[in-house]
């Protein structure tokens, strides 16, 4: 607005009288400057002072102090516009003051956007206006697409069990505990399907492992990724044609853990991967492995670095051979500085810190969950960390929120289904909610109603938006009520897209473009 008025002012002689009914441009500009100055610094200065410092100089002649009154008003090129604005502002003292005002305005503007985004969506304040755009994008209707093919075959014909996803933002890996073999496409019950996570091209590559796979993670640096899959007895690390398989019993022996029975649940161990390390939580312990990028024969793709009890304290040796149930869920915080999991053996949520440089881990805190698992539940429980909160979901369809720093209870009984009679019976719940931290205290969850996404501001314990577009777009005829979500990942780097899998082999993407360029990338997916 200021530049627009300046264009008129700089081409008009202020001494020229205005015709009846015309607005005095000089007064208009002075008003704009004064109002803007008050907004930024809460100070005012008189119109006379402003007029005293106005300089009407021609950018074409330093000797001419005014422009002819009949000069045509034409668009100005940017360099010329800058020169005229400098001429308009006049003395050095005024330029310095205006420069400070302009900088303060830009800084305060971004800060205010950050405050607004944090208050409304729970997004980190330091993201500024970009955080507001991100929050707004999640409230709009998503761009939905089905990933129809896996390894060249139709996904619904191949994936018969519970598909699981893993990603490091570079590669996206998908596996399933029940894959229908296909000789035509070279697919077996041990196949893992791989996509480029930055483009999500329709056609995936595939790799075969020595074990049947229940879940997968991707770890290692870009261009040298290691895909790790697991089942109830063992896990396998694969990189290109190199593979290494380890049983959980052998890991216990390496860590010198004696007289402990291994009794894992159906999903195997909880796996977590990062650039240099692999974390495995099983049998009441945390095992951290180094990734060996220089391995050439596949015998030492991963190497055990350390082992710690989940509670941070070594228990007394169990002479009776206590049977331990494996944790089935583990989650990073947004910055990968801490991770958390629920340990069914101690009935606690455990939070640990992680240093990606040296691979050290340290116990942070634990929270007892006995009051929420009084029925003896040992599965279908998930936990995650937002910026300020610890969030857990239970088999009764509800979520509980604690303060991450103090451990105090903040919200409980949160659920995306209002009426209790509409909720899934805990005994019939096959898969727990998936909870993913997006930014700050904004988290996204799957839904107990089926293939839907729910966005929550956990600072307020409030659901902001529930997207059920999949039912309208392509779910109604295929999986009306049996579309229980089994896994979900967030591709935050390039696409701002969630990839979700369900029972029955549906793999779908939910794109939330926060910019025009991102929208083009999402729409190009599959081409």
Protein backbone atom coordinates (compact mmCIF):
# COMPACT_ATOMS: atom_id res chain seq x y z
CA UNK A 1 0.00 0.00 0.00
CA UNK A 2 2.85 2.36 0.84
CA UNK A 3 4.66 1.59 -2.42
CA UNK A 4 1.45 2.13 -4.39
CA UNK A 5 0.89 5.54 -2.86
CA UNK A 6 4.56 6.41 -3.27
CA UNK A 7 4.30 5.81 -7.00
CA UNK A 8 1.60 8.46 -7.23
CA UNK A 9 3.36 10.84 -4.89
CA UNK A 10 6.69 10.68 -6.63
CA UNK A 11 5.10 11.65 -9.93
CA UNK A 12 3.11 14.60 -8.54
CA UNK A 13 4.19 18.05 -7.52
CA UNK A 14 2.83 18.57 -4.00
CA UNK A 15 2.41 22.25 -4.70
CA UNK A 16 -0.12 21.50 -7.44
CA UNK A 17 -3.63 22.04 -6.11
CA UNK A 18 -6.00 19.07 -6.27
CA UNK A 19 -9.35 19.28 -7.96
CA UNK A 20 -12.56 19.19 -6.00
CA UNK A 21 -13.39 15.77 -4.64
CA UNK A 22 -9.84 14.41 -5.01
CA UNK A 23 -8.01 12.87 -2.08
CA UNK A 24 -4.86 14.65 -1.02
CA UNK A 25 -2.15 12.04 -1.74
CA UNK A 26 0.29 13.66 0.65
CA UNK A 27 -2.11 13.37 3.55
CA UNK A 28 -2.90 9.78 2.61
CA UNK A 29 0.78 8.78 2.64
CA UNK A 30 1.40 10.58 5.93
CA UNK A 31 -1.53 8.74 7.45
CA UNK A 32 -0.21 5.39 6.30
CA UNK A 33 3.28 6.06 7.63
CA UNK A 34 1.98 7.26 10.98
CA UNK A 35 -0.42 4.36 11.46
CA UNK A 36 2.25 1.86 10.51
CA UNK A 37 4.72 3.49 12.88
CA UNK A 38 2.26 3.31 15.76
CA UNK A 39 1.63 -0.40 15.16
CA UNK A 40 5.30 -1.25 15.34
CA UNK A 41 6.71 0.98 18.04
CA UNK A 42 3.73 2.57 19.80
CA UNK A 43 5.11 6.06 19.08
CA UNK A 44 3.64 8.90 17.01
CA UNK A 45 5.06 11.89 15.26
CA UNK A 46 3.24 14.91 13.86
CA UNK A 47 2.17 15.38 10.28
CA UNK A 48 4.18 18.62 10.11
CA UNK A 49 7.41 16.79 10.92
CA UNK A 50 6.71 14.21 8.23
CA UNK A 51 5.96 16.92 5.66
CA UNK A 52 9.14 18.75 6.64
CA UNK A 53 11.23 15.71 5.74
CA UNK A 54 9.54 14.86 2.45
CA UNK A 55 11.86 15.43 -0.53
CA UNK A 56 10.47 15.48 -4.02
CA UNK A 57 13.40 14.72 -6.27
CA UNK A 58 13.51 13.40 -9.77
CA UNK A 59 15.34 10.14 -10.38
CA UNK A 60 16.19 11.43 -13.84
CA UNK A 61 17.82 14.79 -12.94
CA UNK A 62 19.61 15.70 -9.74
CA UNK A 63 19.19 19.38 -10.53
CA UNK A 64 15.42 19.22 -10.83
CA UNK A 65 13.69 19.33 -7.43
CA UNK A 66 10.17 18.59 -8.63
CA UNK A 67 8.49 16.55 -11.29
CA UNK A 68 6.24 18.33 -13.78
CA UNK A 69 2.63 18.25 -12.71
CA UNK A 70 1.59 16.85 -16.07
CA UNK A 71 4.02 13.91 -15.91
CA UNK A 72 2.38 10.60 -16.77
CA UNK A 73 1.97 8.03 -13.99
CA UNK A 74 3.74 4.88 -15.25
CA UNK A 75 4.91 1.63 -13.60
CA UNK A 76 8.44 1.82 -12.27
CA UNK A 77 11.17 -0.79 -12.52
CA UNK A 78 12.40 -2.05 -9.15
CA UNK A 79 15.77 -0.22 -9.15
CA UNK A 80 14.05 3.02 -10.13
CA UNK A 81 11.39 2.50 -7.48
CA UNK A 82 14.04 1.99 -4.84
CA UNK A 83 15.81 5.18 -5.88
CA UNK A 84 12.62 7.21 -5.67
CA UNK A 85 11.70 5.77 -2.26
CA UNK A 86 15.17 6.69 -0.96
CA UNK A 87 14.74 10.17 -2.42
CA UNK A 88 11.31 10.39 -0.81
CA UNK A 89 12.59 9.44 2.63
CA UNK A 90 15.28 12.10 2.52
CA UNK A 91 17.90 12.49 5.20
CA UNK A 92 20.11 9.71 6.59
CA UNK A 93 18.51 9.89 10.00
CA UNK A 94 15.09 9.17 8.51
CA UNK A 95 16.47 6.29 6.45
CA UNK A 96 17.96 4.64 9.51
CA UNK A 97 14.75 5.03 11.44
CA UNK A 98 12.70 3.62 8.58
CA UNK A 99 15.11 0.70 8.18
CA UNK A 100 14.69 -0.22 11.85
CA UNK A 101 10.92 0.04 11.54
CA UNK A 102 10.87 -2.16 8.45
CA UNK A 103 13.01 -4.82 10.10
CA UNK A 104 10.93 -4.78 13.25
CA UNK A 105 7.77 -5.11 11.18
CA UNK A 106 9.11 -8.18 9.34
CA UNK A 107 10.35 -9.81 12.54
CA UNK A 108 7.23 -9.04 14.53
CA UNK A 109 5.04 -10.23 11.68
CA UNK A 110 6.69 -13.67 11.55
CA UNK A 111 6.64 -13.89 15.34
CA UNK A 112 2.93 -13.09 15.42
CA UNK A 113 2.21 -15.75 12.80
CA UNK A 114 4.12 -18.23 14.97
CA UNK A 115 2.11 -17.30 18.04
CA UNK A 116 -1.12 -17.65 16.10
CA UNK A 117 -0.12 -21.05 14.66
CA UNK A 118 0.87 -22.28 18.11
CA UNK A 119 -2.37 -21.14 19.74
CA UNK A 120 -4.67 -22.54 17.08
CA UNK A 121 -2.87 -25.69 15.93
CA UNK A 122 -0.20 -26.35 18.56
CA UNK A 123 2.57 -25.94 15.97
CA UNK A 124 6.01 -24.82 17.16
CA UNK A 125 6.19 -21.02 17.42
CA UNK A 126 9.61 -20.86 15.78
CA UNK A 127 8.11 -21.93 12.44
CA UNK A 128 6.51 -18.50 12.05
CA UNK A 129 4.27 -17.99 9.04
CA UNK A 130 5.35 -21.33 7.56
CA UNK A 131 3.82 -22.98 10.63
CA UNK A 132 0.52 -21.19 10.01
CA UNK A 133 0.51 -22.36 6.38
CA UNK A 134 1.24 -25.90 7.56
CA UNK A 135 -1.66 -25.86 10.01
CA UNK A 136 -4.06 -24.44 7.44
CA UNK A 137 -3.06 -27.15 4.94
CA UNK A 138 -4.15 -29.89 7.35
CA UNK A 139 -7.61 -28.35 7.69
CA UNK A 140 -8.24 -28.48 3.93
CA UNK A 141 -9.51 -31.46 1.97
CA UNK A 142 -6.55 -33.77 1.24
CA UNK A 143 -5.38 -35.02 -2.13
CA UNK A 144 -6.13 -38.76 -1.93
CA UNK A 145 -4.59 -41.50 -4.03
CA UNK A 146 -4.34 -45.26 -3.90
CA UNK A 147 -1.02 -47.01 -4.40
CA UNK A 148 -2.58 -49.79 -6.45
CA UNK A 149 0.55 -51.73 -7.31
CA UNK A 150 3.25 -53.41 -5.22
CA UNK A 151 6.05 -55.03 -7.13
CA UNK A 152 3.96 -54.86 -10.31
CA UNK A 153 1.01 -56.80 -8.83
CA UNK A 154 -2.26 -55.43 -7.49
CA UNK A 155 -1.87 -54.56 -3.82
CA UNK A 156 -5.25 -56.00 -2.82
CA UNK A 157 -4.38 -59.34 -4.40
CA UNK A 158 -0.99 -59.63 -2.71
CA UNK A 159 -1.33 -58.04 0.76
CA UNK A 160 -3.72 -60.26 2.72
CA UNK A 161 -2.62 -59.59 6.27
CA UNK A 162 -1.56 -56.46 8.15
CA UNK A 163 0.73 -54.28 6.02
CA UNK A 164 3.42 -52.29 7.86
CA UNK A 165 5.40 -49.24 6.75
CA UNK A 166 8.79 -47.81 7.62
CA UNK A 167 10.67 -44.77 6.28
CA UNK A 168 13.71 -42.56 6.77
CA UNK A 169 12.23 -39.83 4.50
CA UNK A 170 14.36 -41.15 1.64
CA UNK A 171 13.01 -44.67 1.17
CA UNK A 172 9.61 -46.09 2.06
CA UNK A 173 9.47 -49.80 2.92
CA UNK A 174 6.32 -51.92 3.10
CA UNK A 175 5.99 -55.47 4.35
CA UNK A 176 3.15 -57.72 5.45
CA UNK A 177 2.72 -60.74 7.69
CA UNK A 178 0.56 -62.47 5.04
CA UNK A 179 1.68 -62.02 1.43
CA UNK A 180 0.17 -64.06 -1.37
CA UNK A 181 3.09 -65.36 -3.49
CA UNK A 182 3.05 -64.56 -7.20
CA UNK A 183 5.42 -66.34 -9.56
CA UNK A 184 4.49 -63.94 -12.36
CA UNK A 185 5.86 -60.96 -10.46
CA UNK A 186 8.47 -62.78 -8.38
CA UNK A 187 6.69 -62.07 -5.09
CA UNK A 188 7.03 -64.42 -2.11
CA UNK A 189 5.83 -64.35 1.49
CA UNK A 190 9.20 -62.79 2.46
CA UNK A 191 9.08 -59.86 0.00
CA UNK A 192 9.63 -56.24 1.06
CA UNK A 193 8.43 -53.47 -1.27
CA UNK A 194 10.45 -50.26 -1.61
CA UNK A 195 9.45 -46.79 -2.91
CA UNK A 196 11.31 -43.51 -3.31
CA UNK A 197 9.82 -41.50 -0.43
CA UNK A 198 10.44 -38.13 -2.10
CA UNK A 199 8.40 -38.92 -5.22
CA UNK A 200 6.29 -42.00 -4.39
CA UNK A 201 6.40 -43.24 -7.93
CA UNK A 202 3.67 -45.74 -8.62
CA UNK A 203 6.00 -48.63 -9.36
CA UNK A 204 7.89 -50.03 -6.39
CA UNK A 205 10.97 -52.19 -6.28
CA UNK A 206 11.07 -55.32 -4.18
CA UNK A 207 13.59 -57.28 -2.19
CA UNK A 208 13.41 -60.73 -0.61
CA UNK A 209 14.57 -61.56 2.92
CA UNK A 210 15.41 -64.90 4.57
CA UNK A 211 12.61 -64.44 7.11
CA UNK A 212 8.89 -63.82 7.07
CA UNK A 213 8.43 -60.15 7.96
CA UNK A 214 5.92 -58.60 10.36
CA UNK A 215 7.28 -55.03 10.41
CA UNK A 216 10.06 -52.92 8.89
CA UNK A 217 12.18 -49.81 9.51
CA UNK A 218 14.66 -47.96 7.31
CA UNK A 219 17.89 -46.72 8.85
CA UNK A 220 21.22 -45.43 7.61
CA UNK A 221 22.16 -42.35 5.64
CA UNK A 222 20.65 -41.48 2.28
CA UNK A 223 22.12 -43.60 -0.48
CA UNK A 224 23.31 -46.26 1.97
CA UNK A 225 20.08 -47.31 3.65
CA UNK A 226 19.62 -50.54 5.56
CA UNK A 227 16.13 -52.06 5.70
CA UNK A 228 15.51 -54.00 8.92
CA UNK A 229 12.55 -56.36 9.21
CA UNK A 230 11.48 -58.60 12.06
CA UNK A 231 9.06 -61.30 13.18
CA UNK A 232 8.37 -63.05 16.48
CA UNK A 233 11.72 -64.87 16.56
CA UNK A 234 14.34 -62.85 14.75
CA UNK A 235 15.17 -59.79 12.70
CA UNK A 236 17.01 -59.31 9.42
CA UNK A 237 19.13 -56.38 8.16
CA UNK A 238 19.28 -56.00 4.37
CA UNK A 239 21.31 -53.65 2.19
CA UNK A 240 21.34 -54.31 -1.56
CA UNK A 241 22.32 -57.99 -1.87
CA UNK A 242 23.82 -58.20 1.64
CA UNK A 243 21.77 -59.62 4.51
CA UNK A 244 22.32 -60.46 8.17
CA UNK A 245 19.90 -62.34 10.40
CA UNK A 246 19.90 -62.35 14.21
CA UNK A 247 17.62 -64.16 16.64
CA UNK A 248 16.52 -62.46 19.84
CA UNK A 249 18.01 -65.34 21.83
CA UNK A 250 21.42 -64.68 20.24
CA UNK A 251 21.13 -60.97 21.12
CA UNK A 252 20.49 -61.87 24.76
CA UNK A 253 23.58 -64.10 24.73
CA UNK A 254 25.69 -61.30 23.21
CA UNK A 255 24.53 -58.99 26.00
CA UNK A 256 25.35 -61.70 28.55
CA UNK A 257 21.74 -61.97 29.73
CA UNK A 258 21.17 -65.39 31.30
CA UNK A 259 18.12 -67.38 32.42
CA UNK A 260 15.55 -65.19 30.71
CA UNK A 261 12.84 -66.78 28.62
CA UNK A 262 11.77 -65.06 25.42
CA UNK A 263 8.03 -64.78 24.80
CA UNK A 264 7.32 -62.26 22.08
CA UNK A 265 3.96 -61.06 20.88
CA UNK A 266 2.77 -61.62 17.33
CA UNK A 267 4.30 -58.44 15.95
CA UNK A 268 7.85 -59.22 17.01
CA UNK A 269 10.18 -56.66 18.57
CA UNK A 270 9.81 -52.88 18.48
CA UNK A 271 12.29 -51.42 15.99
CA UNK A 272 13.54 -47.88 15.55
CA UNK A 273 16.11 -46.69 13.01
CA UNK A 274 18.18 -43.56 12.47
CA UNK A 275 21.22 -42.49 10.43
CA UNK A 276 23.89 -44.40 12.35
CA UNK A 277 22.03 -46.77 14.65
CA UNK A 278 19.29 -49.33 15.05
CA UNK A 279 17.33 -49.58 18.31
CA UNK A 280 15.55 -52.81 19.25
CA UNK A 281 13.31 -53.04 22.33
CA UNK A 282 12.49 -56.58 23.38
CA UNK A 283 12.59 -58.86 26.40
CA UNK A 284 12.55 -55.90 28.80
CA UNK A 285 15.73 -54.41 27.37
CA UNK A 286 16.92 -51.82 24.86
CA UNK A 287 19.53 -53.01 22.39
CA UNK A 288 21.40 -50.38 20.36
CA UNK A 289 23.28 -51.49 17.25
CA UNK A 290 25.86 -49.63 15.17
CA UNK A 291 25.31 -49.63 11.41
CA UNK A 292 28.37 -50.78 9.50
CA UNK A 293 28.25 -49.00 6.13
CA UNK A 294 31.61 -50.51 5.10
CA UNK A 295 30.47 -54.11 5.45
CA UNK A 296 31.06 -56.01 2.21
CA UNK A 297 30.00 -59.57 2.95
CA UNK A 298 26.76 -58.93 4.88
CA UNK A 299 27.94 -60.59 8.09
CA UNK A 300 28.15 -57.40 10.13
CA UNK A 301 25.63 -54.94 8.74
CA UNK A 302 24.64 -54.26 12.35
CA UNK A 303 26.76 -54.76 15.45
CA UNK A 304 25.55 -54.69 19.05
CA UNK A 305 26.91 -51.60 20.81
CA UNK A 306 25.12 -51.64 24.17
CA UNK A 307 22.20 -53.06 26.12
CA UNK A 308 20.15 -51.37 28.84
CA UNK A 309 17.13 -52.41 30.93
CA UNK A 310 14.00 -50.52 29.91
CA UNK A 311 13.57 -49.05 33.41
CA UNK A 312 17.13 -47.72 33.54
CA UNK A 313 18.07 -50.01 36.43
CA UNK A 314 19.45 -53.52 36.18
CA UNK A 315 16.97 -56.00 37.71
CA UNK A 316 18.10 -58.81 39.96
CA UNK A 317 19.02 -61.96 38.07
CA UNK A 318 15.93 -64.06 37.53
CA UNK A 319 16.76 -67.62 38.46
CA UNK A 320 13.29 -68.82 37.61
CA UNK A 321 13.53 -67.91 33.95
CA UNK A 322 10.89 -65.18 33.84
CA UNK A 323 9.01 -64.91 30.56
CA UNK A 324 9.07 -61.41 29.09
CA UNK A 325 6.62 -59.90 26.66
CA UNK A 326 8.07 -57.68 23.95
CA UNK A 327 7.11 -54.06 23.49
CA UNK A 328 5.23 -53.67 20.22
CA UNK A 329 5.51 -49.93 19.72
CA UNK A 330 8.33 -47.40 19.87
CA UNK A 331 8.37 -43.80 18.67
CA UNK A 332 10.71 -40.87 18.10
CA UNK A 333 9.95 -37.32 19.07
CA UNK A 334 9.94 -34.78 16.23
CA UNK A 335 13.65 -33.93 16.56
CA UNK A 336 14.92 -37.49 17.14
CA UNK A 337 16.43 -36.47 20.46
CA UNK A 338 14.25 -38.77 22.58
CA UNK A 339 12.21 -41.91 22.07
CA UNK A 340 9.53 -43.64 24.10
CA UNK A 341 7.75 -47.00 24.33
CA UNK A 342 5.35 -48.87 26.56
CA UNK A 343 6.84 -51.82 28.42
CA UNK A 344 4.19 -54.48 29.17
CA UNK A 345 6.44 -56.25 31.68
CA UNK A 346 6.68 -53.29 34.08
CA UNK A 347 3.43 -51.63 32.88
CA UNK A 348 5.26 -48.35 32.34
CA UNK A 349 5.84 -45.79 29.63
CA UNK A 350 9.59 -45.26 29.37
CA UNK A 351 11.28 -42.19 27.87
CA UNK A 352 14.94 -42.23 26.85
CA UNK A 353 17.24 -39.62 25.34
CA UNK A 354 19.41 -40.41 22.32
CA UNK A 355 22.62 -38.87 21.00
CA UNK A 356 22.92 -39.58 17.30
CA UNK A 357 26.64 -38.75 17.16
CA UNK A 358 28.04 -41.18 19.70
CA UNK A 359 25.05 -43.52 20.03
CA UNK A 360 24.63 -42.97 23.76
CA UNK A 361 21.20 -43.35 25.39
CA UNK A 362 20.07 -42.24 28.84
CA UNK A 363 16.97 -42.93 30.87
CA UNK A 364 14.77 -39.81 31.24
CA UNK A 365 11.59 -40.83 33.06
CA UNK A 366 8.90 -43.50 33.39
CA UNK A 367 5.16 -43.27 33.94
CA UNK A 368 3.08 -46.00 35.54
CA UNK A 369 0.09 -47.03 33.42
CA UNK A 370 -1.44 -49.58 35.81
CA UNK A 371 -4.67 -47.58 36.22
CA UNK A 372 -5.19 -47.58 32.45
CA UNK A 373 -4.47 -51.30 31.91
CA UNK A 374 -6.42 -52.77 34.82
CA UNK A 375 -7.83 -55.43 32.51
CA UNK A 376 -4.38 -56.90 31.98
CA UNK A 377 -3.88 -55.61 28.43
CA UNK A 378 -0.48 -56.39 26.96
CA UNK A 379 -1.00 -55.17 23.39
CA UNK A 380 -2.81 -52.55 21.26
CA UNK A 381 -1.17 -49.78 23.26
CA UNK A 382 0.84 -47.04 21.52
CA UNK A 383 2.80 -44.07 22.84
CA UNK A 384 4.52 -41.08 21.30
CA UNK A 385 6.11 -37.74 22.20
CA UNK A 386 5.04 -34.28 21.05
CA UNK A 387 7.03 -31.15 21.90
CA UNK A 388 5.59 -30.84 25.42
CA UNK A 389 3.53 -33.99 26.00
CA UNK A 390 3.58 -37.78 26.25
CA UNK A 391 0.57 -39.35 24.52
CA UNK A 392 -0.73 -42.90 24.88
CA UNK A 393 -3.69 -44.72 23.35
CA UNK A 394 -5.45 -47.67 24.98
CA UNK A 395 -7.58 -50.61 23.86
CA UNK A 396 -10.71 -48.82 25.12
CA UNK A 397 -10.38 -46.31 22.23
CA UNK A 398 -9.19 -43.42 24.41
CA UNK A 399 -5.99 -41.40 24.67
CA UNK A 400 -4.21 -39.97 27.72
CA UNK A 401 -1.83 -37.00 27.74
CA UNK A 402 0.90 -36.19 30.29
CA UNK A 403 3.23 -33.23 30.58
CA UNK A 404 6.53 -34.36 29.11
CA UNK A 405 8.68 -32.39 31.56
CA UNK A 406 6.82 -32.99 34.83
CA UNK A 407 4.92 -36.22 34.20
CA UNK A 408 1.68 -34.66 35.44
CA UNK A 409 -1.60 -35.81 33.89
CA UNK A 410 -3.07 -33.21 31.51
CA UNK A 411 -5.90 -34.86 29.52
CA UNK A 412 -7.55 -38.25 29.53
CA UNK A 413 -10.36 -40.13 27.79
CA UNK A 414 -9.74 -38.31 24.50
CA UNK A 415 -11.43 -40.09 21.59
CA UNK A 416 -12.38 -39.24 18.04
CA UNK A 417 -15.66 -41.16 18.45
CA UNK A 418 -18.05 -39.26 20.71
CA UNK A 419 -20.66 -41.91 21.44
CA UNK A 420 -19.39 -44.88 23.43
CA UNK A 421 -21.79 -47.28 21.73
CA UNK A 422 -20.11 -46.43 18.41
CA UNK A 423 -16.65 -47.36 19.64
CA UNK A 424 -14.91 -50.65 18.88
CA UNK A 425 -15.12 -53.19 21.68
CA UNK A 426 -11.63 -53.55 23.26
CA UNK A 427 -11.81 -57.33 22.81
CA UNK A 428 -12.38 -56.83 19.09
CA UNK A 429 -9.71 -54.21 18.55
CA UNK A 430 -7.15 -55.76 16.21
CA UNK A 431 -4.80 -52.82 15.71
CA UNK A 432 -4.08 -49.84 17.98
CA UNK A 433 -4.17 -46.21 16.95
CA UNK A 434 -1.14 -44.86 15.12
CA UNK A 435 0.00 -41.55 16.64
CA UNK A 436 2.52 -39.34 14.82
CA UNK A 437 3.91 -36.00 16.06
CA UNK A 438 3.72 -33.44 13.24
CA UNK A 439 5.08 -30.22 14.71
CA UNK A 440 5.11 -28.90 18.25
CA UNK A 441 2.03 -30.32 19.96
CA UNK A 442 0.10 -30.96 16.75
CA UNK A 443 -0.26 -34.71 16.28
CA UNK A 444 -2.15 -36.86 13.80
CA UNK A 445 -3.80 -40.18 14.62
CA UNK A 446 -5.65 -42.85 12.76
CA UNK A 447 -9.27 -43.39 13.75
CA UNK A 448 -11.22 -46.12 15.53
CA UNK A 449 -13.92 -45.61 12.92
CA UNK A 450 -11.67 -46.84 10.16
CA UNK A 451 -9.58 -45.26 7.43
CA UNK A 452 -9.69 -41.63 8.61
CA UNK A 453 -7.15 -39.10 9.88
CA UNK A 454 -7.58 -36.98 13.01
CA UNK A 455 -5.53 -33.87 13.81
CA UNK A 456 -5.19 -32.92 17.48
CA UNK A 457 -3.83 -29.93 19.38
CA UNK A 458 -2.58 -31.81 22.42
CA UNK A 459 -1.89 -28.62 24.37
CA UNK A 460 -5.65 -28.12 24.49
CA UNK A 461 -6.67 -31.77 24.28
CA UNK A 462 -8.83 -30.87 21.30
CA UNK A 463 -9.46 -32.56 17.95
CA UNK A 464 -9.11 -29.91 15.25
CA UNK A 465 -10.18 -31.86 12.18
CA UNK A 466 -11.25 -35.35 11.21
CA UNK A 467 -10.82 -36.30 7.56
CA UNK A 468 -13.17 -39.07 6.43
CA UNK A 469 -12.65 -38.35 2.73
CA UNK A 470 -11.41 -41.89 2.04
CA UNK A 471 -14.87 -43.29 2.72
CA UNK A 472 -16.36 -40.97 0.14
CA UNK A 473 -13.58 -41.40 -2.40
CA UNK A 474 -12.71 -45.08 -2.61
CA UNK A 475 -13.47 -46.94 0.61
CA UNK A 476 -17.24 -47.33 0.64
CA UNK A 477 -17.46 -50.22 -1.79
CA UNK A 478 -14.26 -51.97 -0.76
CA UNK A 479 -13.90 -52.00 3.00
CA UNK A 480 -16.96 -50.44 4.67
CA UNK A 481 -16.16 -51.23 8.30
CA UNK A 482 -13.28 -53.67 8.08
CA UNK A 483 -10.68 -51.12 7.10
CA UNK A 484 -8.75 -51.05 10.36
CA UNK A 485 -5.57 -48.98 9.87
CA UNK A 486 -2.47 -51.07 10.49
CA UNK A 487 0.35 -48.59 9.91
CA UNK A 488 1.06 -44.99 8.92
CA UNK A 489 4.11 -42.83 8.21
CA UNK A 490 4.51 -39.09 7.66
CA UNK A 491 6.60 -37.94 4.68
CA UNK A 492 7.32 -34.44 5.93
CA UNK A 493 10.34 -33.47 3.87
CA UNK A 494 9.00 -33.03 0.33
CA UNK A 495 5.34 -33.98 0.13
CA UNK A 496 3.68 -33.26 3.51
CA UNK A 497 1.87 -36.54 2.91
CA UNK A 498 0.71 -39.42 5.10
CA UNK A 499 0.87 -42.97 3.77
CA UNK A 500 -1.57 -45.31 5.49
CA UNK A 501 -2.18 -49.05 5.20
CA UNK A 502 -5.22 -51.05 6.26
CA UNK A 503 -6.26 -54.64 6.72
CA UNK A 504 -7.14 -56.04 3.33
CA UNK A 505 -4.19 -54.56 1.46
CA UNK A 506 -5.22 -50.95 0.87
CA UNK A 507 -2.27 -48.54 0.66
CA UNK A 508 -3.32 -44.89 0.33
CA UNK A 509 -1.70 -41.46 0.44
CA UNK A 510 -3.17 -38.34 2.05
CA UNK A 511 -1.51 -35.24 0.64
CA UNK A 512 -1.78 -31.86 2.38
CA UNK A 513 0.11 -29.36 0.19
CA UNK A 514 1.32 -26.29 2.07
CA UNK A 515 2.54 -24.56 -1.12
CA UNK A 516 1.86 -24.51 -4.85
CA UNK A 517 5.09 -26.38 -5.57
CA UNK A 518 4.20 -29.07 -3.05
CA UNK A 519 0.77 -29.41 -4.64
CA UNK A 520 2.39 -30.04 -8.02
CA UNK A 521 4.67 -32.69 -6.52
CA UNK A 522 1.77 -34.50 -4.87
CA UNK A 523 -0.30 -34.48 -8.04
CA UNK A 524 2.67 -35.83 -10.01
CA UNK A 525 2.82 -38.82 -7.67
CA UNK A 526 2.33 -42.01 -9.64
CA UNK A 527 3.05 -40.46 -13.04
